[in-house]
PDB file of all heavy atoms in Angstrom:
ATOM      1  N   ARG A   1     112.828  51.814  78.339  1.00  0.00           N
ATOM      2  CA  ARG A   1     113.818  52.224  79.139  1.00  0.00           C
ATOM      3  C   ARG A   1     115.053  51.454  78.751  1.00  0.00           C
ATOM      4  O   ARG A   1     115.127  50.298  78.449  1.00  0.00           O
ATOM      5  CB  ARG A   1     113.419  51.825  80.610  1.00  0.00           C
ATOM      6  CG  ARG A   1     114.384  52.373  81.554  1.00  0.00           C
ATOM      7  CD  ARG A   1     113.825  52.354  82.996  1.00  0.00           C
ATOM      8  NE  ARG A   1     114.774  52.776  84.003  1.00  0.00           N
ATOM      9  CZ  ARG A   1     114.680  52.544  85.193  1.00  0.00           C
ATOM     10  NH1 ARG A   1     113.675  51.957  85.761  1.00  0.00           N
ATOM     11  NH2 ARG A   1     115.688  52.903  86.009  1.00  0.00           N
ATOM     12  N   ASP A   2     116.226  52.207  78.906  1.00  0.00           N
ATOM     13  CA  ASP A   2     117.540  51.640  78.569  1.00  0.00           C
ATOM     14  C   ASP A   2     117.892  50.378  79.446  1.00  0.00           C
ATOM     15  O   ASP A   2     117.769  50.501  80.703  1.00  0.00           O
ATOM     16  CB  ASP A   2     118.577  52.814  78.707  1.00  0.00           C
ATOM     17  CG  ASP A   2     119.990  52.322  78.396  1.00  0.00           C
ATOM     18  OD1 ASP A   2     120.135  51.412  77.614  1.00  0.00           O
ATOM     19  OD2 ASP A   2     120.872  52.854  79.048  1.00  0.00           O
ATOM     20  N   PRO A   3     118.289  49.277  78.927  1.00  0.00           N
ATOM     21  CA  PRO A   3     118.656  48.176  79.676  1.00  0.00           C
ATOM     22  C   PRO A   3     119.716  48.406  80.713  1.00  0.00           C
ATOM     23  O   PRO A   3     119.798  47.892  81.851  1.00  0.00           O
ATOM     24  CB  PRO A   3     119.077  47.115  78.664  1.00  0.00           C
ATOM     25  CG  PRO A   3     118.579  47.598  77.381  1.00  0.00           C
ATOM     26  CD  PRO A   3     118.353  49.074  77.469  1.00  0.00           C
ATOM     27  N   ILE A   4     120.678  49.252  80.355  1.00  0.00           N
ATOM     28  CA  ILE A   4     121.787  49.501  81.260  1.00  0.00           C
ATOM     29  C   ILE A   4     121.272  50.383  82.420  1.00  0.00           C
ATOM     30  O   ILE A   4     121.633  50.091  83.514  1.00  0.00           O
ATOM     31  CB  ILE A   4     122.954  50.320  80.511  1.00  0.00           C
ATOM     32  CG1 ILE A   4     123.584  49.524  79.404  1.00  0.00           C
ATOM     33  CG2 ILE A   4     124.001  50.808  81.497  1.00  0.00           C
ATOM     34  CD1 ILE A   4     124.242  48.268  79.897  1.00  0.00           C
ATOM     35  N   GLU A   5     120.362  51.319  82.170  1.00  0.00           N
ATOM     36  CA  GLU A   5     119.744  52.013  83.215  1.00  0.00           C
ATOM     37  C   GLU A   5     118.947  51.073  84.172  1.00  0.00           C
ATOM     38  O   GLU A   5     118.894  51.279  85.383  1.00  0.00           O
ATOM     39  CB  GLU A   5     118.911  53.168  82.703  1.00  0.00           C
ATOM     40  CG  GLU A   5     119.676  54.348  82.173  1.00  0.00           C
ATOM     41  CD  GLU A   5     118.768  55.452  81.805  1.00  0.00           C
ATOM     42  OE1 GLU A   5     117.625  55.539  82.126  1.00  0.00           O
ATOM     43  OE2 GLU A   5     119.296  56.287  81.040  1.00  0.00           O
ATOM     44  N   GLU A   6     118.243  50.131  83.602  1.00  0.00           N
ATOM     45  CA  GLU A   6     117.454  49.229  84.369  1.00  0.00           C
ATOM     46  C   GLU A   6     118.450  48.377  85.257  1.00  0.00           C
ATOM     47  O   GLU A   6     118.116  48.151  86.469  1.00  0.00           O
ATOM     48  CB  GLU A   6     116.644  48.324  83.500  1.00  0.00           C
ATOM     49  CG  GLU A   6     115.408  48.909  83.003  1.00  0.00           C
ATOM     50  CD  GLU A   6     114.538  48.014  82.110  1.00  0.00           C
ATOM     51  OE1 GLU A   6     114.597  46.762  82.362  1.00  0.00           O
ATOM     52  OE2 GLU A   6     113.837  48.547  81.221  1.00  0.00           O
ATOM     53  N   LEU A   7     119.548  47.868  84.666  1.00  0.00           N
ATOM     54  CA  LEU A   7     120.548  47.193  85.435  1.00  0.00           C
ATOM     55  C   LEU A   7     121.051  47.999  86.575  1.00  0.00           C
ATOM     56  O   LEU A   7     121.195  47.639  87.736  1.00  0.00           O
ATOM     57  CB  LEU A   7     121.665  46.676  84.577  1.00  0.00           C
ATOM     58  CG  LEU A   7     122.822  46.085  85.192  1.00  0.00           C
ATOM     59  CD1 LEU A   7     122.363  44.756  85.978  1.00  0.00           C
ATOM     60  CD2 LEU A   7     123.912  45.689  84.248  1.00  0.00           C
ATOM     61  N   ALA A   8     121.421  49.301  86.221  1.00  0.00           N
ATOM     62  CA  ALA A   8     121.936  50.162  87.326  1.00  0.00           C
ATOM     63  C   ALA A   8     120.917  50.479  88.378  1.00  0.00           C
ATOM     64  O   ALA A   8     121.298  50.503  89.634  1.00  0.00           O
ATOM     65  CB  ALA A   8     122.312  51.550  86.606  1.00  0.00           C
ATOM     66  N   ASP A   9     119.598  50.575  88.109  1.00  0.00           N
ATOM     67  CA  ASP A   9     118.561  50.764  89.032  1.00  0.00           C
ATOM     68  C   ASP A   9     118.492  49.526  89.927  1.00  0.00           C
ATOM     69  O   ASP A   9     118.345  49.616  91.166  1.00  0.00           O
ATOM     70  CB  ASP A   9     117.295  51.068  88.316  1.00  0.00           C
ATOM     71  CG  ASP A   9     116.215  51.430  89.324  1.00  0.00           C
ATOM     72  OD1 ASP A   9     116.321  52.294  90.201  1.00  0.00           O
ATOM     73  OD2 ASP A   9     115.107  50.756  89.237  1.00  0.00           O
ATOM     74  N   GLY A  10     118.579  48.314  89.324  1.00  0.00           N
ATOM     75  CA  GLY A  10     118.463  47.134  90.070  1.00  0.00           C
ATOM     76  C   GLY A  10     119.684  46.977  91.043  1.00  0.00           C
ATOM     77  O   GLY A  10     119.539  46.574  92.204  1.00  0.00           O
ATOM     78  N   LEU A  11     120.824  47.254  90.518  1.00  0.00           N
ATOM     79  CA  LEU A  11     122.015  47.187  91.416  1.00  0.00           C
ATOM     80  C   LEU A  11     121.980  48.240  92.530  1.00  0.00           C
ATOM     81  O   LEU A  11     122.373  47.902  93.613  1.00  0.00           O
ATOM     82  CB  LEU A  11     123.302  47.430  90.575  1.00  0.00           C
ATOM     83  CG  LEU A  11     123.729  46.268  89.631  1.00  0.00           C
ATOM     84  CD1 LEU A  11     124.913  46.718  88.747  1.00  0.00           C
ATOM     85  CD2 LEU A  11     124.018  45.004  90.450  1.00  0.00           C
ATOM     86  N   HIS A  12     121.524  49.369  92.231  1.00  0.00           N
ATOM     87  CA  HIS A  12     121.357  50.405  93.274  1.00  0.00           C
ATOM     88  C   HIS A  12     120.472  49.914  94.360  1.00  0.00           C
ATOM     89  O   HIS A  12     120.764  50.011  95.559  1.00  0.00           O
ATOM     90  CB  HIS A  12     120.824  51.663  92.632  1.00  0.00           C
ATOM     91  CG  HIS A  12     120.642  52.837  93.612  1.00  0.00           C
ATOM     92  ND1 HIS A  12     119.470  53.025  94.196  1.00  0.00           N
ATOM     93  CD2 HIS A  12     121.483  53.709  94.124  1.00  0.00           C
ATOM     94  CE1 HIS A  12     119.633  54.086  95.020  1.00  0.00           C
ATOM     95  NE2 HIS A  12     120.859  54.466  95.007  1.00  0.00           N
ATOM     96  N   SER A  13     119.317  49.355  93.988  1.00  0.00           N
ATOM     97  CA  SER A  13     118.366  48.895  95.049  1.00  0.00           C
ATOM     98  C   SER A  13     118.950  47.802  95.772  1.00  0.00           C
ATOM     99  O   SER A  13     118.801  47.660  96.990  1.00  0.00           O
ATOM    100  CB  SER A  13     117.003  48.413  94.253  1.00  0.00           C
ATOM    101  OG  SER A  13     116.123  47.927  95.141  1.00  0.00           O
ATOM    102  N   ALA A  14     119.627  46.821  95.134  1.00  0.00           N
ATOM    103  CA  ALA A  14     120.193  45.627  95.810  1.00  0.00           C
ATOM    104  C   ALA A  14     121.279  46.172  96.732  1.00  0.00           C
ATOM    105  O   ALA A  14     121.366  45.651  97.904  1.00  0.00           O
ATOM    106  CB  ALA A  14     120.791  44.730  94.795  1.00  0.00           C
ATOM    107  N   ALA A  15     122.046  47.135  96.396  1.00  0.00           N
ATOM    108  CA  ALA A  15     123.146  47.652  97.262  1.00  0.00           C
ATOM    109  C   ALA A  15     122.526  48.331  98.538  1.00  0.00           C
ATOM    110  O   ALA A  15     122.956  48.075  99.644  1.00  0.00           O
ATOM    111  CB  ALA A  15     123.939  48.698  96.540  1.00  0.00           C
ATOM    112  N   ILE A  16     121.428  48.997  98.397  1.00  0.00           N
ATOM    113  CA  ILE A  16     120.822  49.645  99.522  1.00  0.00           C
ATOM    114  C   ILE A  16     120.239  48.611 100.444  1.00  0.00           C
ATOM    115  O   ILE A  16     120.443  48.514 101.660  1.00  0.00           O
ATOM    116  CB  ILE A  16     119.669  50.557  99.092  1.00  0.00           C
ATOM    117  CG1 ILE A  16     120.321  51.817  98.515  1.00  0.00           C
ATOM    118  CG2 ILE A  16     118.803  51.019 100.189  1.00  0.00           C
ATOM    119  CD1 ILE A  16     119.298  52.765  97.738  1.00  0.00           C
ATOM    120  N   HIS A  17     119.581  47.468  99.921  1.00  0.00           N
ATOM    121  CA  HIS A  17     119.068  46.447 100.788  1.00  0.00           C
ATOM    122  C   HIS A  17     120.149  45.663 101.424  1.00  0.00           C
ATOM    123  O   HIS A  17     120.109  45.281 102.634  1.00  0.00           O
ATOM    124  CB  HIS A  17     118.239  45.549  99.924  1.00  0.00           C
ATOM    125  CG  HIS A  17     116.833  46.055  99.499  1.00  0.00           C
ATOM    126  ND1 HIS A  17     115.887  46.348 100.392  1.00  0.00           N
ATOM    127  CD2 HIS A  17     116.456  46.553  98.316  1.00  0.00           C
ATOM    128  CE1 HIS A  17     114.849  46.877  99.734  1.00  0.00           C
ATOM    129  NE2 HIS A  17     115.187  47.009  98.456  1.00  0.00           N
ATOM    130  N   LEU A  18     121.284  45.412 100.773  1.00  0.00           N
ATOM    131  CA  LEU A  18     122.373  44.777 101.318  1.00  0.00           C
ATOM    132  C   LEU A  18     123.063  45.570 102.457  1.00  0.00           C
ATOM    133  O   LEU A  18     123.236  44.982 103.566  1.00  0.00           O
ATOM    134  CB  LEU A  18     123.470  44.527 100.263  1.00  0.00           C
ATOM    135  CG  LEU A  18     124.689  43.922 100.753  1.00  0.00           C
ATOM    136  CD1 LEU A  18     124.524  42.480 101.301  1.00  0.00           C
ATOM    137  CD2 LEU A  18     125.824  43.777  99.593  1.00  0.00           C
ATOM    138  N   LEU A  19     123.245  46.877 102.302  1.00  0.00           N
ATOM    139  CA  LEU A  19     123.723  47.651 103.394  1.00  0.00           C
ATOM    140  C   LEU A  19     122.846  47.704 104.535  1.00  0.00           C
ATOM    141  O   LEU A  19     123.279  47.716 105.710  1.00  0.00           O
ATOM    142  CB  LEU A  19     124.019  49.100 102.883  1.00  0.00           C
ATOM    143  CG  LEU A  19     125.179  49.133 101.929  1.00  0.00           C
ATOM    144  CD1 LEU A  19     125.322  50.609 101.309  1.00  0.00           C
ATOM    145  CD2 LEU A  19     126.502  48.742 102.603  1.00  0.00           C
ATOM    146  N   ARG A  20     121.551  47.785 104.359  1.00  0.00           N
ATOM    147  CA  ARG A  20     120.551  47.792 105.458  1.00  0.00           C
ATOM    148  C   ARG A  20     120.711  46.408 106.165  1.00  0.00           C
ATOM    149  O   ARG A  20     120.723  46.391 107.499  1.00  0.00           O
ATOM    150  CB  ARG A  20     119.167  47.858 104.987  1.00  0.00           C
ATOM    151  CG  ARG A  20     118.780  49.249 104.644  1.00  0.00           C
ATOM    152  CD  ARG A  20     117.289  49.385 104.381  1.00  0.00           C
ATOM    153  NE  ARG A  20     116.998  50.720 103.882  1.00  0.00           N
ATOM    154  CZ  ARG A  20     116.332  50.927 102.788  1.00  0.00           C
ATOM    155  NH1 ARG A  20     115.802  49.986 102.068  1.00  0.00           N
ATOM    156  NH2 ARG A  20     116.140  52.193 102.406  1.00  0.00           N
ATOM    157  N   ARG A  21     120.826  45.328 105.549  1.00  0.00           N
ATOM    158  CA  ARG A  21     120.978  43.988 106.251  1.00  0.00           C
ATOM    159  C   ARG A  21     122.267  43.978 106.978  1.00  0.00           C
ATOM    160  O   ARG A  21     122.321  43.488 108.114  1.00  0.00           O
ATOM    161  CB  ARG A  21     121.045  42.831 105.194  1.00  0.00           C
ATOM    162  CG  ARG A  21     119.709  42.100 105.176  1.00  0.00           C
ATOM    163  CD  ARG A  21     119.778  40.883 104.272  1.00  0.00           C
ATOM    164  NE  ARG A  21     119.039  41.269 103.098  1.00  0.00           N
ATOM    165  CZ  ARG A  21     119.363  41.071 101.804  1.00  0.00           C
ATOM    166  NH1 ARG A  21     120.540  40.432 101.527  1.00  0.00           N
ATOM    167  NH2 ARG A  21     118.636  41.491 100.775  1.00  0.00           N
ATOM    168  N   LEU A  22     123.390  44.462 106.363  1.00  0.00           N
ATOM    169  CA  LEU A  22     124.630  44.489 107.088  1.00  0.00           C
ATOM    170  C   LEU A  22     124.695  45.386 108.230  1.00  0.00           C
ATOM    171  O   LEU A  22     125.369  45.148 109.235  1.00  0.00           O
ATOM    172  CB  LEU A  22     125.776  44.771 106.070  1.00  0.00           C
ATOM    173  CG  LEU A  22     125.969  43.672 105.012  1.00  0.00           C
ATOM    174  CD1 LEU A  22     127.110  44.126 104.070  1.00  0.00           C
ATOM    175  CD2 LEU A  22     126.335  42.325 105.570  1.00  0.00           C
ATOM    176  N   ARG A  23     123.991  46.504 108.169  1.00  0.00           N
ATOM    177  CA  ARG A  23     123.878  47.510 109.158  1.00  0.00           C
ATOM    178  C   ARG A  23     123.373  46.885 110.506  1.00  0.00           C
ATOM    179  O   ARG A  23     123.733  47.298 111.601  1.00  0.00           O
ATOM    180  CB  ARG A  23     123.096  48.723 108.798  1.00  0.00           C
ATOM    181  CG  ARG A  23     123.486  49.932 109.525  1.00  0.00           C
ATOM    182  CD  ARG A  23     122.765  51.156 109.083  1.00  0.00           C
ATOM    183  NE  ARG A  23     122.982  51.416 107.719  1.00  0.00           N
ATOM    184  CZ  ARG A  23     122.066  51.823 106.814  1.00  0.00           C
ATOM    185  NH1 ARG A  23     120.765  51.959 107.241  1.00  0.00           N
ATOM    186  NH2 ARG A  23     122.255  52.010 105.565  1.00  0.00           N
ATOM    187  N   ARG A  24     122.533  45.869 110.389  1.00  0.00           N
ATOM    188  CA  ARG A  24     122.022  45.144 111.585  1.00  0.00           C
ATOM    189  C   ARG A  24     123.109  44.661 112.431  1.00  0.00           C
ATOM    190  O   ARG A  24     122.923  44.546 113.663  1.00  0.00           O
ATOM    191  CB  ARG A  24     120.993  44.051 111.207  1.00  0.00           C
ATOM    192  CG  ARG A  24     119.723  44.658 110.554  1.00  0.00           C
ATOM    193  CD  ARG A  24     118.779  43.545 110.258  1.00  0.00           C
ATOM    194  NE  ARG A  24     117.692  44.021 109.405  1.00  0.00           N
ATOM    195  CZ  ARG A  24     117.275  43.475 108.281  1.00  0.00           C
ATOM    196  NH1 ARG A  24     117.847  42.355 107.874  1.00  0.00           N
ATOM    197  NH2 ARG A  24     116.425  44.072 107.481  1.00  0.00           N
ATOM    198  N   GLU A  25     124.205  44.262 111.820  1.00  0.00           N
ATOM    199  CA  GLU A  25     125.353  43.672 112.487  1.00  0.00           C
ATOM    200  C   GLU A  25     126.009  44.770 113.329  1.00  0.00           C
ATOM    201  O   GLU A  25     126.651  44.477 114.335  1.00  0.00           O
ATOM    202  CB  GLU A  25     126.291  43.022 111.627  1.00  0.00           C
ATOM    203  CG  GLU A  25     125.764  41.859 110.877  1.00  0.00           C
ATOM    204  CD  GLU A  25     125.234  40.766 111.762  1.00  0.00           C
ATOM    205  OE1 GLU A  25     125.951  40.457 112.815  1.00  0.00           O
ATOM    206  OE2 GLU A  25     124.204  40.158 111.433  1.00  0.00           O
ATOM    207  N   ASP A  26     125.872  46.027 112.904  1.00  0.00           N
ATOM    208  CA  ASP A  26     126.527  47.127 113.621  1.00  0.00           C
ATOM    209  C   ASP A  26     126.021  47.281 114.995  1.00  0.00           C
ATOM    210  O   ASP A  26     126.725  47.809 115.848  1.00  0.00           O
ATOM    211  CB  ASP A  26     126.402  48.375 112.827  1.00  0.00           C
ATOM    212  CG  ASP A  26     127.147  48.411 111.488  1.00  0.00           C
ATOM    213  OD1 ASP A  26     128.004  47.463 111.343  1.00  0.00           O
ATOM    214  OD2 ASP A  26     126.868  49.243 110.652  1.00  0.00           O
TER     215      ASP A  26
END
C-alpha cells in the first residue's frame, strides 16, 4: 500500500475520533 495513502487513512481516522471527542462538549 502507498505510504501516502496509509498516512491519509490514519489522519482520516484520527480526525473522526477527534471530532467525536469534541462533539461531547456540544
